[in-house]
């Protein structure tokens, strides 16, 4: 969506920021990480490390990538 830009990116980005901030742990040993959620099959695959890594990669787009169309 970042590469697509425009309204597509703006809608995605607002939803992503809201979701990441609301779901990041802010307590104890899990502070700063994201919980594992059930997938469509009812499985919790990957664990906390995977959930946190994916959330961090989503945040990376602001700092690591330039839009291709510019």
N, C-alpha and C. Protein backbone atom coordinates (compact mmCIF):
# COMPACT_ATOMS: atom_id res chain seq x y z
N UNK A 1 0.81 -1.19 0.00
CA UNK A 1 0.00 0.00 0.00
C UNK A 1 0.86 1.26 0.00
N UNK A 2 2.00 1.19 0.66
CA UNK A 2 2.90 2.34 0.68
C UNK A 2 3.30 2.74 -0.74
N UNK A 3 3.63 1.74 -1.56
CA UNK A 3 4.03 2.01 -2.94
C UNK A 3 2.85 2.50 -3.77
N UNK A 4 1.66 2.04 -3.48
CA UNK A 4 0.47 2.48 -4.21
C UNK A 4 0.18 3.96 -3.94
N UNK A 5 0.34 4.35 -2.67
CA UNK A 5 0.17 5.75 -2.29
C UNK A 5 -1.28 6.22 -2.33
N UNK A 6 -1.46 7.50 -2.24
CA UNK A 6 -2.78 8.12 -2.33
C UNK A 6 -3.74 7.65 -1.26
N UNK A 7 -5.01 7.60 -1.63
CA UNK A 7 -6.06 7.20 -0.68
C UNK A 7 -5.88 5.77 -0.20
N UNK A 8 -5.39 4.89 -1.07
CA UNK A 8 -5.16 3.50 -0.67
C UNK A 8 -4.22 3.45 0.54
N UNK A 9 -3.11 4.15 0.43
CA UNK A 9 -2.13 4.16 1.51
C UNK A 9 -2.70 4.85 2.75
N UNK A 10 -3.37 5.98 2.57
CA UNK A 10 -3.88 6.72 3.72
C UNK A 10 -4.88 5.90 4.53
N UNK A 11 -5.78 5.20 3.88
CA UNK A 11 -6.76 4.36 4.58
C UNK A 11 -6.04 3.22 5.30
N UNK A 12 -5.15 2.54 4.60
CA UNK A 12 -4.40 1.42 5.19
C UNK A 12 -3.56 1.91 6.37
N UNK A 13 -2.85 3.01 6.18
CA UNK A 13 -1.94 3.51 7.20
C UNK A 13 -2.69 3.91 8.48
N UNK A 14 -3.81 4.58 8.33
CA UNK A 14 -4.59 4.96 9.52
C UNK A 14 -5.06 3.74 10.28
N UNK A 15 -5.55 2.74 9.57
CA UNK A 15 -6.01 1.50 10.22
C UNK A 15 -4.85 0.75 10.86
N UNK A 16 -3.73 0.70 10.19
CA UNK A 16 -2.56 0.00 10.71
C UNK A 16 -2.04 0.65 11.98
N UNK A 17 -1.89 1.98 11.97
CA UNK A 17 -1.40 2.68 13.15
C UNK A 17 -2.32 2.47 14.34
N UNK A 18 -3.61 2.57 14.11
CA UNK A 18 -4.59 2.38 15.17
C UNK A 18 -4.48 0.96 15.75
N UNK A 19 -4.43 -0.02 14.87
CA UNK A 19 -4.36 -1.42 15.30
C UNK A 19 -3.07 -1.71 16.07
N UNK A 20 -1.94 -1.25 15.56
CA UNK A 20 -0.67 -1.53 16.22
C UNK A 20 -0.58 -0.87 17.59
N UNK A 21 -0.99 0.37 17.69
CA UNK A 21 -0.92 1.08 18.97
C UNK A 21 -1.87 0.45 20.00
N UNK A 22 -3.08 0.12 19.57
CA UNK A 22 -4.07 -0.45 20.50
C UNK A 22 -3.68 -1.84 20.98
N UNK A 23 -2.95 -2.59 20.18
CA UNK A 23 -2.65 -3.98 20.53
C UNK A 23 -1.25 -4.21 21.09
N UNK A 24 -0.43 -3.18 21.13
CA UNK A 24 0.91 -3.36 21.69
C UNK A 24 0.81 -3.47 23.21
N UNK A 25 1.53 -4.44 23.77
CA UNK A 25 1.51 -4.65 25.22
C UNK A 25 2.23 -3.51 25.92
N UNK A 26 1.70 -3.12 27.05
CA UNK A 26 2.26 -2.01 27.81
C UNK A 26 2.45 -2.40 29.27
N UNK A 27 2.74 -3.69 29.51
CA UNK A 27 2.83 -4.14 30.90
C UNK A 27 3.88 -5.23 31.06
N UNK A 28 4.56 -5.18 32.17
CA UNK A 28 5.45 -6.26 32.60
C UNK A 28 6.47 -6.73 31.59
N UNK A 29 6.70 -8.04 31.61
CA UNK A 29 7.71 -8.66 30.76
C UNK A 29 7.38 -8.57 29.27
N UNK A 30 6.12 -8.38 28.94
CA UNK A 30 5.70 -8.33 27.53
C UNK A 30 5.63 -6.92 26.98
N UNK A 31 6.05 -5.95 27.74
CA UNK A 31 6.02 -4.55 27.34
C UNK A 31 6.69 -4.35 25.98
N UNK A 32 5.97 -3.73 25.06
CA UNK A 32 6.51 -3.43 23.73
C UNK A 32 6.28 -4.51 22.69
N UNK A 33 5.74 -5.65 23.08
CA UNK A 33 5.51 -6.74 22.13
C UNK A 33 4.02 -6.80 21.76
N UNK A 34 3.70 -7.70 20.84
CA UNK A 34 2.32 -7.90 20.42
C UNK A 34 1.92 -9.34 20.70
N UNK A 35 0.68 -9.51 21.18
CA UNK A 35 0.16 -10.85 21.47
C UNK A 35 -0.10 -11.62 20.19
N UNK A 36 -0.15 -12.92 20.34
CA UNK A 36 -0.50 -13.82 19.23
C UNK A 36 -2.02 -13.90 19.17
N UNK A 37 -2.57 -13.81 17.97
CA UNK A 37 -4.01 -13.93 17.78
C UNK A 37 -4.32 -15.17 16.96
N UNK A 38 -5.48 -15.70 17.13
CA UNK A 38 -5.92 -16.87 16.37
C UNK A 38 -6.02 -16.54 14.89
N UNK A 39 -5.58 -17.47 14.05
CA UNK A 39 -5.76 -17.28 12.62
C UNK A 39 -7.10 -17.87 12.19
N UNK A 40 -7.36 -17.89 10.90
CA UNK A 40 -8.66 -18.37 10.40
C UNK A 40 -8.92 -19.84 10.70
N UNK A 41 -7.88 -20.58 11.01
CA UNK A 41 -8.04 -22.00 11.34
C UNK A 41 -8.11 -22.24 12.84
N UNK A 42 -8.08 -21.16 13.61
CA UNK A 42 -8.13 -21.30 15.05
C UNK A 42 -6.80 -21.69 15.67
N UNK A 43 -5.70 -21.44 14.94
CA UNK A 43 -4.36 -21.79 15.42
C UNK A 43 -3.60 -20.53 15.83
N UNK A 44 -2.70 -20.69 16.75
CA UNK A 44 -1.83 -19.59 17.17
C UNK A 44 -0.42 -19.90 16.69
N UNK A 45 -0.17 -19.71 15.43
CA UNK A 45 1.13 -20.09 14.87
C UNK A 45 2.13 -18.95 14.97
N UNK A 46 3.37 -19.29 15.23
CA UNK A 46 4.45 -18.32 15.21
C UNK A 46 4.83 -17.72 16.54
N UNK A 47 3.90 -17.60 17.44
CA UNK A 47 4.21 -17.07 18.76
C UNK A 47 4.40 -15.57 18.82
N UNK A 48 4.77 -15.12 20.01
CA UNK A 48 4.95 -13.70 20.29
C UNK A 48 6.08 -13.10 19.46
N UNK A 49 7.13 -13.85 19.25
CA UNK A 49 8.27 -13.34 18.48
C UNK A 49 7.83 -13.02 17.05
N UNK A 50 7.08 -13.92 16.44
CA UNK A 50 6.61 -13.69 15.06
C UNK A 50 5.68 -12.50 15.00
N UNK A 51 4.73 -12.41 15.92
CA UNK A 51 3.79 -11.29 15.94
C UNK A 51 4.51 -9.96 16.07
N UNK A 52 5.50 -9.92 16.95
CA UNK A 52 6.25 -8.69 17.18
C UNK A 52 7.12 -8.35 15.97
N UNK A 53 7.74 -9.35 15.38
CA UNK A 53 8.57 -9.11 14.19
C UNK A 53 7.74 -8.56 13.03
N UNK A 54 6.57 -9.12 12.81
CA UNK A 54 5.72 -8.63 11.72
C UNK A 54 5.24 -7.20 11.99
N UNK A 55 4.90 -6.90 13.23
CA UNK A 55 4.48 -5.54 13.57
C UNK A 55 5.62 -4.56 13.34
N UNK A 56 6.83 -4.95 13.72
CA UNK A 56 8.00 -4.09 13.52
C UNK A 56 8.28 -3.86 12.04
N UNK A 57 8.11 -4.90 11.23
CA UNK A 57 8.33 -4.74 9.79
C UNK A 57 7.30 -3.79 9.18
N UNK A 58 6.08 -3.82 9.70
CA UNK A 58 5.06 -2.87 9.22
C UNK A 58 5.48 -1.44 9.54
N UNK A 59 6.07 -1.23 10.70
CA UNK A 59 6.52 0.11 11.09
C UNK A 59 7.75 0.56 10.32
N UNK A 60 8.51 -0.38 9.78
CA UNK A 60 9.74 -0.07 9.07
C UNK A 60 9.51 0.72 7.79
N UNK A 61 8.35 0.61 7.20
CA UNK A 61 8.10 1.23 5.91
C UNK A 61 8.33 2.74 5.94
N UNK A 62 8.09 3.38 7.07
CA UNK A 62 8.28 4.83 7.17
C UNK A 62 9.73 5.24 7.06
N UNK A 63 10.65 4.37 7.45
CA UNK A 63 12.05 4.74 7.56
C UNK A 63 12.95 4.11 6.51
N UNK A 64 12.51 3.03 5.89
CA UNK A 64 13.41 2.25 5.03
C UNK A 64 13.12 2.35 3.54
N UNK A 65 11.94 2.79 3.16
CA UNK A 65 11.57 2.71 1.76
C UNK A 65 11.17 4.06 1.20
N UNK A 66 11.54 4.28 -0.03
CA UNK A 66 11.09 5.46 -0.75
C UNK A 66 10.02 5.03 -1.73
N UNK A 67 9.00 5.85 -1.93
CA UNK A 67 7.97 5.50 -2.93
C UNK A 67 8.62 5.35 -4.31
N UNK A 68 8.22 4.32 -5.03
CA UNK A 68 8.80 4.05 -6.35
C UNK A 68 8.40 5.08 -7.39
N UNK A 69 7.25 5.72 -7.20
CA UNK A 69 6.76 6.65 -8.22
C UNK A 69 7.32 8.07 -8.03
N UNK A 70 8.28 8.25 -7.14
CA UNK A 70 8.84 9.60 -6.92
C UNK A 70 10.30 9.63 -7.29
